[in-house]
Protein backbone atom coordinates (compact mmCIF):
# COMPACT_ATOMS: atom_id res chain seq x y z
CA MET A 1 -1.11 -40.00 1.92
CA THR A 2 -1.94 -36.79 3.73
CA TYR A 3 0.98 -34.62 4.79
CA ARG A 4 0.94 -32.79 8.11
CA LEU A 5 1.36 -29.04 7.93
CA HIS A 6 4.02 -27.18 9.90
CA PHE A 7 4.36 -23.40 10.23
CA PRO A 8 7.45 -22.06 12.00
CA ALA A 9 6.33 -19.37 14.48
CA ASP A 10 7.77 -16.45 12.49
CA VAL A 11 6.07 -17.59 9.27
CA PHE A 12 2.79 -18.16 11.11
CA ASP A 13 2.98 -14.56 12.36
CA ILE A 14 3.12 -13.43 8.72
CA TYR A 15 0.13 -15.65 7.91
CA LYS A 16 -1.90 -14.13 10.75
CA GLN A 17 -1.24 -10.61 9.42
CA LEU A 18 -2.53 -11.35 5.91
CA PRO A 19 -5.92 -9.95 4.88
CA GLY A 20 -8.78 -12.43 5.15
CA GLN A 21 -8.98 -13.29 1.44
CA ALA A 22 -5.22 -13.90 1.24
CA ARG A 23 -5.36 -16.19 4.29
CA GLN A 24 -8.22 -18.10 2.68
CA ASP A 25 -6.39 -18.39 -0.66
CA LEU A 26 -3.26 -19.68 1.04
CA ALA A 27 -5.24 -22.11 3.18
CA VAL A 28 -6.85 -23.60 0.05
CA CYS A 29 -3.43 -24.04 -1.57
CA LEU A 30 -1.99 -25.70 1.51
CA VAL A 31 -4.93 -28.08 1.99
CA ASP A 32 -4.62 -29.17 -1.64
CA ALA A 33 -0.86 -29.59 -1.26
CA GLN A 34 -1.35 -31.77 1.82
CA GLN A 35 -3.06 -34.36 -0.38
CA ASP A 36 -0.68 -34.17 -3.37
CA PRO A 37 2.29 -31.84 -2.85
CA LEU A 38 3.82 -32.26 -6.30
CA GLY A 39 0.50 -32.12 -8.12
CA HIS A 40 -0.64 -28.93 -6.40
CA SER A 41 2.59 -26.94 -6.44
CA GLU A 42 5.25 -25.69 -8.81
CA PRO A 43 9.02 -26.09 -8.63
CA TYR A 44 10.93 -23.39 -6.79
CA GLY A 45 13.89 -22.90 -9.10
CA GLU A 46 15.28 -26.28 -10.12
CA ASP A 47 12.71 -29.07 -9.77
CA ASP A 48 14.12 -31.15 -6.94
CA GLY A 49 10.68 -32.29 -5.71
CA ILE A 50 11.47 -30.89 -2.26
CA ILE A 51 11.26 -27.08 -2.36
CA ARG A 52 8.01 -26.00 -4.06
CA THR A 53 5.73 -22.98 -4.38
CA VAL A 54 1.98 -22.67 -4.07
CA ALA A 55 0.06 -19.59 -5.16
CA ARG A 56 -3.47 -18.29 -5.47
CA GLY A 57 -4.75 -14.77 -5.87
CA HIS A 58 -2.18 -12.36 -4.47
CA VAL A 59 -0.41 -14.76 -2.10
CA THR A 60 2.46 -17.18 -2.66
CA ALA A 61 4.22 -19.54 -0.28
CA VAL A 62 7.38 -21.59 -0.46
CA ILE A 63 6.98 -25.06 1.03
CA LEU A 64 9.36 -27.85 1.95
CA VAL A 65 8.03 -31.32 1.11
CA GLY A 66 9.34 -33.73 3.73
CA ASN A 67 8.84 -37.08 2.05
CA PRO A 68 10.36 -39.24 4.78
CA THR A 69 8.40 -37.44 7.50
CA SER A 70 5.20 -36.61 5.58
CA ILE A 71 5.42 -33.00 6.77
CA LEU A 72 4.89 -29.88 4.65
CA THR A 73 6.75 -26.94 6.15
CA VAL A 74 5.83 -23.41 5.08
CA LEU A 75 9.17 -21.65 4.68
CA ALA A 76 8.07 -18.23 3.43
CA ILE A 77 4.97 -16.26 2.48
CA ALA A 78 4.76 -13.37 0.02
CA TYR A 79 1.73 -11.13 -0.43
CA ALA A 80 1.45 -8.79 -3.40
CA GLY A 81 -1.46 -6.79 -2.03
CA GLY A 82 -4.73 -6.40 -3.75
């Protein structure tokens, strides 16, 4: 099953401000997570299978896996520079 991706407006604004390579790295993570959220992410704190993290290069995002709705929501983005 492929999950739909949802960016709240404020988080999408952060995404748009990332350098090109960081945007590309995050996009790759999110596309992979759309196909298999648990297989392409790590637990965020306690492994509840709902709040997860994806990371590549210098960018990390926290995602919410909406199993009943098949929606991945990007909750936060962190960029460590580089």
